[in-house]
Amino acid sequence: RSRCGSSGCEQSGFLSGSAGRDWAVQVPRPAGSSARPEAPASASFTVLGSVAMNSAVIVVHGGGASCISKDRKERVRQGIVKAATVGYNILKEGGSAVDAVEGAVVVLEDDAEFNAGHGSVLNENGEVEMDASIMNGKDLSAGAVSAVRCVANPIKLARLVMEKTHHCFLTDQGAAKFAADNGIPAIPGEQLVTERNKKRLEKEKHEKCAQKSDPQKSLGTVGAVAVDCRGNVAYATSTGGIVNKMPGRVGDTPCIGSGGYADNDIGAISTTGHGESILKVNLARLTLFHVEQGTCTKAMLAGNADPERLIDGWRA
């Protein structure tokens, strides 16, 4: 959780959580302050709670992968800080929380280091299928898309669903047609397929055959939460899903209340982790419920103990 300090010069803070999870935070800091925000001890999600009015904050995460190789760690760090900087600049210029989280996530979708957009992992047929969602805490408006194959930035499409339809969720061919009708250019799916993800798919299939597959190791959903100077909050989450997934598989990311949630009266959250497990407990809304009740972190974790025991692979 990030709280806004007293006003002063803006600095970029980088947080490294447990098990290689990464966050970047943009908050106002007192002039001359070099202290970093405290990293969560163990979390695959980031919560934005109450902040001082007229102060802008954005928190960006790059996914819940259990490990990041040494050769990629600096590139991942730079990508997250860049996304946070882009989002925060939008806020500083008077943009909305929705503008900021969309802008930050677009940066990550355009960066092949992350499992979203151009870096999306492949399904068992070697194809990209992407999911995304976005929500405005001011009025609870939301938009989501799933099984998107030929759009570079699914988060932009999700926002269009939120703002230009009476629906909350479009999928597959319907989402593709809606994108075309609204001027979002289609790109060949193979342009989103990277050599690294081809190798990851091959390795995953081999490990699955050898019964060594670990579904937790490739969790790379990206997301952002923000509060703007008007006190409005928003979240955005985007993913390529799980490597070697069945075609048509949809995880938590596009499901409002699981992949994220935003409510001005409570806060905003973007989740990452094992999608099937997150879906079973509506983790985003559940966590914000605890925040709404004023539950401390220790009590929140204790309250989640029962679902943790029930759901194999669940972690938060």
Protein backbone atom coordinates (compact mmCIF):
# COMPACT_ATOMS: atom_id res chain seq x y z
CA ARG A 1 0.00 0.00 0.00
CA SER A 2 1.32 3.44 -0.86
CA ARG A 3 0.43 6.57 1.00
CA CYS A 4 1.20 10.02 -0.33
CA GLY A 5 3.64 12.07 1.71
CA SER A 6 3.97 15.84 1.91
CA SER A 7 4.32 17.71 -1.35
CA GLY A 8 7.73 18.30 -2.88
CA CYS A 9 9.84 17.11 -5.77
CA GLU A 10 8.64 14.05 -7.65
CA GLN A 11 10.88 10.99 -7.64
CA SER A 12 10.60 7.52 -9.07
CA GLY A 13 10.78 4.71 -6.56
CA PHE A 14 11.51 1.08 -7.50
CA LEU A 15 10.37 -1.71 -5.25
CA SER A 16 11.51 -5.30 -5.40
CA GLY A 17 9.19 -7.62 -3.54
CA SER A 18 9.57 -11.26 -2.63
CA ALA A 19 10.26 -13.98 -5.20
CA GLY A 20 11.34 -11.56 -7.89
CA ARG A 21 8.09 -9.59 -8.08
CA ASP A 22 8.61 -6.02 -9.18
CA TRP A 23 6.80 -2.73 -8.64
CA ALA A 24 7.45 0.85 -9.63
CA VAL A 25 5.87 3.71 -7.74
CA GLN A 26 5.53 7.40 -8.54
CA VAL A 27 4.61 9.53 -5.54
CA PRO A 28 5.36 13.07 -4.37
CA ARG A 29 8.29 13.06 -1.93
CA PRO A 30 9.67 15.71 0.40
CA ALA A 31 12.60 17.58 -1.16
CA GLY A 32 15.88 15.85 -0.37
CA SER A 33 14.23 12.62 0.71
CA SER A 34 15.96 9.46 -0.47
CA ALA A 35 13.82 6.94 1.37
CA ARG A 36 12.11 4.31 -0.74
CA PRO A 37 8.54 3.18 -0.13
CA GLU A 38 8.33 -0.01 1.86
CA ALA A 39 8.04 -3.11 -0.34
CA PRO A 40 5.27 -5.58 0.48
CA ALA A 41 6.69 -8.52 2.40
CA SER A 42 4.82 -11.03 0.26
CA ALA A 43 2.27 -10.07 -2.35
CA SER A 44 1.22 -10.79 -5.87
CA PHE A 45 -1.04 -7.76 -5.89
CA THR A 46 -0.67 -4.09 -5.02
CA VAL A 47 -3.33 -2.14 -3.14
CA LEU A 48 -3.79 1.60 -3.42
CA GLY A 49 -5.53 2.80 -0.30
CA SER A 50 -6.44 6.30 0.86
CA VAL A 51 -4.10 9.14 -0.10
CA ALA A 52 -3.93 12.86 0.57
CA MET A 53 -6.29 14.90 -1.60
CA ASN A 54 -4.80 16.83 -4.52
CA SER A 55 -1.88 14.39 -4.67
CA ALA A 56 -1.35 12.03 -7.57
CA VAL A 57 -0.08 8.48 -7.10
CA ILE A 58 0.45 5.60 -9.51
CA VAL A 59 1.62 2.08 -8.71
CA VAL A 60 2.69 -0.28 -11.51
CA HIS A 61 3.41 -4.01 -11.31
CA GLY A 62 5.08 -6.25 -13.85
CA GLY A 63 3.63 -9.59 -12.83
CA GLY A 64 3.91 -12.36 -10.26
CA ALA A 65 6.52 -14.61 -11.89
CA SER A 66 8.37 -16.66 -9.30
CA CYS A 67 11.74 -15.75 -10.77
CA ILE A 68 13.31 -13.29 -13.18
CA SER A 69 16.58 -14.30 -14.83
CA LYS A 70 19.60 -12.13 -14.10
CA ASP A 71 20.00 -11.14 -17.75
CA ARG A 72 16.43 -9.77 -17.82
CA LYS A 73 16.14 -8.18 -14.40
CA GLU A 74 17.48 -4.75 -15.35
CA ARG A 75 15.40 -4.61 -18.53
CA VAL A 76 12.31 -5.50 -16.53
CA ARG A 77 13.14 -2.85 -13.93
CA GLN A 78 13.61 -0.20 -16.60
CA GLY A 79 10.33 -1.15 -18.27
CA ILE A 80 8.36 -0.85 -15.05
CA VAL A 81 9.94 2.48 -14.11
CA LYS A 82 9.23 3.79 -17.62
CA ALA A 83 5.59 2.75 -17.34
CA ALA A 84 5.24 4.41 -13.93
CA THR A 85 6.90 7.57 -15.24
CA VAL A 86 4.57 7.76 -18.25
CA GLY A 87 1.53 7.25 -16.03
CA TYR A 88 2.66 9.78 -13.47
CA ASN A 89 3.40 12.41 -16.09
CA ILE A 90 -0.18 12.02 -17.30
CA LEU A 91 -1.39 12.67 -13.75
CA LYS A 92 0.90 15.68 -13.32
CA GLU A 93 -0.51 17.20 -16.49
CA GLY A 94 -4.04 16.92 -15.10
CA GLY A 95 -4.99 13.62 -16.71
CA SER A 96 -7.43 11.25 -15.06
CA ALA A 97 -6.58 8.09 -13.15
CA VAL A 98 -8.06 6.13 -16.08
CA ASP A 99 -5.75 7.94 -18.51
CA ALA A 100 -2.77 7.19 -16.29
CA VAL A 101 -3.33 3.47 -15.78
CA GLU A 102 -4.09 2.96 -19.46
CA GLY A 103 -0.95 4.86 -20.45
CA ALA A 104 1.23 2.89 -18.06
CA VAL A 105 -0.12 -0.49 -19.17
CA VAL A 106 0.29 0.42 -22.86
CA VAL A 107 4.02 0.89 -22.17
CA LEU A 108 4.20 -2.62 -20.72
CA GLU A 109 2.13 -4.11 -23.56
CA ASP A 110 4.62 -2.62 -26.02
CA ASP A 111 7.58 -4.12 -24.14
CA ALA A 112 8.32 -7.74 -25.06
CA GLU A 113 9.82 -8.36 -21.60
CA PHE A 114 6.32 -8.57 -20.14
CA ASN A 115 3.54 -11.11 -20.58
CA ALA A 116 1.08 -8.71 -22.20
CA GLY A 117 0.66 -7.33 -25.71
CA HIS A 118 3.88 -7.88 -27.67
CA GLY A 119 5.34 -10.15 -24.98
CA SER A 120 2.33 -12.42 -24.53
CA VAL A 121 2.97 -16.10 -23.94
CA LEU A 122 1.53 -18.68 -26.35
CA ASN A 123 -1.30 -21.16 -26.03
CA GLU A 124 -0.82 -24.84 -26.86
CA ASN A 125 -1.31 -24.06 -30.57
CA GLY A 126 1.46 -21.48 -30.55
CA GLU A 127 -0.98 -18.55 -30.75
CA VAL A 128 -1.34 -15.36 -28.74
CA GLU A 129 -4.63 -14.83 -26.87
CA MET A 130 -4.76 -11.73 -24.68
CA ASP A 131 -7.06 -10.48 -21.92
CA ALA A 132 -7.40 -7.03 -20.36
CA SER A 133 -9.69 -4.97 -18.16
CA ILE A 134 -9.99 -1.42 -16.82
CA MET A 135 -12.26 0.27 -14.28
CA ASN A 136 -13.08 3.82 -13.21
CA GLY A 137 -13.63 4.14 -9.48
CA LYS A 138 -15.62 7.34 -9.91
CA ASP A 139 -18.72 5.63 -11.31
CA LEU A 140 -17.76 1.92 -11.34
CA SER A 141 -17.76 1.88 -15.14
CA ALA A 142 -15.65 -0.98 -16.48
CA GLY A 143 -14.54 -2.59 -19.71
CA ALA A 144 -12.90 -5.91 -20.49
CA VAL A 145 -11.83 -8.08 -23.42
CA SER A 146 -10.64 -11.66 -23.67
CA ALA A 147 -9.16 -14.03 -26.27
CA VAL A 148 -7.94 -11.05 -28.31
CA ARG A 149 -5.51 -12.16 -31.01
CA CYS A 150 -4.75 -9.35 -33.45
CA VAL A 151 -4.67 -6.14 -31.40
CA ALA A 152 -1.38 -4.72 -30.14
CA ASN A 153 -2.86 -3.03 -27.06
CA PRO A 154 -5.82 -4.90 -25.54
CA ILE A 155 -6.07 -2.35 -22.72
CA LYS A 156 -7.03 0.34 -25.25
CA LEU A 157 -9.77 -1.94 -26.54
CA ALA A 158 -11.00 -2.61 -23.01
CA ARG A 159 -11.30 1.13 -22.41
CA LEU A 160 -13.33 1.53 -25.59
CA VAL A 161 -15.68 -1.19 -24.36
CA MET A 162 -16.08 0.79 -21.13
CA GLU A 163 -16.71 4.13 -22.81
CA LYS A 164 -18.46 3.28 -26.09
CA THR A 165 -20.76 0.37 -25.29
CA HIS A 166 -23.44 -0.52 -22.76
CA HIS A 167 -21.56 -3.73 -22.04
CA CYS A 168 -18.66 -4.54 -19.73
CA PHE A 169 -17.07 -7.48 -21.55
CA LEU A 170 -16.44 -8.48 -25.17
CA THR A 171 -14.58 -11.58 -26.28
CA ASP A 172 -12.84 -13.18 -29.26
CA GLN A 173 -14.50 -12.39 -32.62
CA GLY A 174 -16.91 -9.89 -31.10
CA ALA A 175 -14.02 -7.99 -29.57
CA ALA A 176 -12.12 -8.12 -32.88
CA LYS A 177 -15.08 -6.72 -34.82
CA PHE A 178 -15.58 -3.99 -32.23
CA ALA A 179 -11.90 -3.06 -32.54
CA ALA A 180 -12.16 -2.80 -36.33
CA ASP A 181 -15.37 -0.77 -36.11
CA ASN A 182 -13.62 1.71 -33.83
CA GLY A 183 -10.50 2.19 -35.91
CA ILE A 184 -8.08 0.01 -33.97
CA PRO A 185 -5.80 -1.52 -36.59
CA ALA A 186 -5.56 -5.29 -36.76
CA ILE A 187 -2.07 -6.76 -36.88
CA PRO A 188 -1.11 -10.30 -37.89
CA GLY A 189 -1.02 -12.48 -34.81
CA GLU A 190 2.44 -13.74 -35.71
CA GLN A 191 3.81 -10.22 -35.17
CA LEU A 192 3.08 -10.68 -31.48
CA VAL A 193 4.91 -14.01 -31.28
CA THR A 194 8.48 -13.70 -30.00
CA GLU A 195 11.29 -16.23 -30.24
CA ARG A 196 11.60 -16.24 -26.46
CA ASN A 197 7.98 -17.25 -26.07
CA LYS A 198 8.32 -19.94 -28.74
CA LYS A 199 11.12 -21.43 -26.64
CA ARG A 200 9.07 -21.07 -23.46
CA LEU A 201 6.19 -22.98 -25.05
CA GLU A 202 8.49 -25.75 -26.23
CA LYS A 203 10.07 -26.02 -22.79
CA GLU A 204 6.69 -26.02 -21.04
CA LYS A 205 5.38 -28.83 -23.27
CA HIS A 206 8.50 -30.87 -22.56
CA GLU A 207 8.22 -30.29 -18.80
CA LYS A 208 4.51 -31.10 -18.86
CA CYS A 209 5.27 -34.43 -20.49
CA ALA A 210 7.92 -35.03 -17.83
CA GLN A 211 5.43 -33.92 -15.12
CA LYS A 212 7.76 -31.11 -14.03
CA SER A 213 5.55 -28.21 -15.04
CA ASP A 214 5.08 -25.39 -12.51
CA PRO A 215 2.08 -23.15 -13.32
CA GLN A 216 3.35 -20.47 -10.91
CA LYS A 217 6.66 -19.75 -12.63
CA SER A 218 5.41 -17.88 -15.70
CA LEU A 219 2.91 -15.48 -14.17
CA GLY A 220 3.50 -12.17 -15.92
CA THR A 221 0.23 -10.25 -15.86
CA VAL A 222 0.88 -6.49 -15.76
CA GLY A 223 -1.19 -3.78 -14.17
CA ALA A 224 -1.45 -0.35 -12.63
CA VAL A 225 -3.55 1.50 -10.09
CA ALA A 226 -3.72 5.27 -9.70
CA VAL A 227 -5.39 8.14 -7.90
CA ASP A 228 -5.58 11.51 -9.63
CA CYS A 229 -5.60 15.02 -8.18
CA ARG A 230 -9.41 14.95 -8.06
CA GLY A 231 -9.39 11.89 -5.82
CA ASN A 232 -10.61 9.45 -8.46
CA VAL A 233 -9.05 5.99 -8.61
CA ALA A 234 -8.72 3.47 -11.44
CA TYR A 235 -7.06 0.18 -12.30
CA ALA A 236 -5.91 -1.51 -15.49
CA THR A 237 -4.68 -5.09 -15.92
CA SER A 238 -3.45 -6.88 -19.06
CA THR A 239 -2.04 -10.33 -19.78
CA GLY A 240 -1.20 -12.99 -22.31
CA GLY A 241 -2.34 -15.62 -19.82
CA ILE A 242 -0.55 -18.86 -18.99
CA VAL A 243 1.95 -20.47 -21.33
CA ASN A 244 0.63 -23.63 -23.06
CA LYS A 245 -2.96 -22.87 -22.03
CA MET A 246 -5.90 -24.39 -23.87
CA PRO A 247 -7.23 -22.19 -26.69
CA GLY A 248 -10.06 -20.07 -25.34
CA ARG A 249 -8.86 -20.21 -21.74
CA VAL A 250 -9.76 -17.06 -19.81
CA GLY A 251 -8.17 -16.27 -16.46
CA ASP A 252 -8.85 -13.64 -13.84
CA THR A 253 -7.49 -10.60 -15.68
CA PRO A 254 -10.60 -9.57 -17.66
CA CYS A 255 -13.03 -10.49 -14.89
CA ILE A 256 -14.06 -7.42 -12.90
CA GLY A 257 -13.59 -8.17 -9.21
CA SER A 258 -10.93 -10.79 -9.87
CA GLY A 259 -8.39 -9.15 -12.19
CA GLY A 260 -8.94 -5.81 -10.48
CA TYR A 261 -11.42 -3.41 -8.98
CA ALA A 262 -11.71 0.33 -8.37
CA ASP A 263 -14.06 2.28 -6.13
CA ASN A 264 -13.42 5.86 -5.04
CA ASP A 265 -14.83 5.08 -1.60
CA ILE A 266 -12.30 2.29 -0.99
CA GLY A 267 -9.34 2.19 -3.38
CA ALA A 268 -8.06 0.34 -6.42
CA ILE A 269 -6.34 -2.98 -6.96
CA SER A 270 -4.77 -4.92 -9.84
CA THR A 271 -4.02 -8.61 -9.32
CA THR A 272 -1.49 -11.04 -10.69
CA GLY A 273 -0.99 -14.69 -9.91
CA HIS A 274 -2.62 -18.03 -10.68
CA GLY A 275 -5.76 -16.96 -12.54
CA GLU A 276 -7.97 -19.94 -11.79
CA SER A 277 -7.27 -19.55 -8.08
CA ILE A 278 -7.88 -15.79 -8.08
CA LEU A 279 -11.19 -16.32 -9.89
CA LYS A 280 -12.51 -18.69 -7.24
CA VAL A 281 -12.38 -16.05 -4.50
CA ASN A 282 -12.83 -12.83 -6.54
CA LEU A 283 -9.53 -11.77 -5.00
CA ALA A 284 -9.55 -8.11 -6.01
CA ARG A 285 -12.97 -7.34 -4.57
CA LEU A 286 -12.35 -9.58 -1.57
CA THR A 287 -9.18 -7.68 -0.73
CA LEU A 288 -10.89 -4.31 -1.11
CA PHE A 289 -13.67 -5.57 1.14
CA HIS A 290 -11.06 -6.11 3.84
CA VAL A 291 -9.71 -2.60 3.19
CA GLU A 292 -13.25 -1.21 3.37
CA GLN A 293 -13.72 -2.87 6.76
CA GLY A 294 -10.47 -1.37 8.00
CA THR A 295 -8.88 -4.78 8.38
CA CYS A 296 -5.16 -4.70 9.10
CA THR A 297 -2.79 -6.70 6.92
CA LYS A 298 -2.30 -9.52 9.43
CA ALA A 299 -6.03 -9.94 9.96
CA MET A 300 -6.59 -9.81 6.20
CA LEU A 301 -4.15 -12.66 5.67
CA ALA A 302 -5.77 -14.62 8.49
CA GLY A 303 -9.18 -14.10 6.89
CA ASN A 304 -7.84 -15.50 3.64
CA ALA A 305 -6.48 -18.62 5.33
CA ASP A 306 -9.58 -20.73 4.65
CA PRO A 307 -9.71 -20.05 0.90
CA GLU A 308 -5.96 -20.63 0.78
CA ARG A 309 -6.43 -24.09 2.22
CA LEU A 310 -9.32 -24.82 -0.12
CA ILE A 311 -7.75 -23.66 -3.36
CA ASP A 312 -4.72 -25.51 -4.61
CA GLY A 313 -2.11 -23.10 -5.92
CA TRP A 314 -3.74 -20.03 -4.36
CA ARG A 315 -1.42 -17.37 -3.03
CA ALA A 316 -1.62 -13.65 -2.46
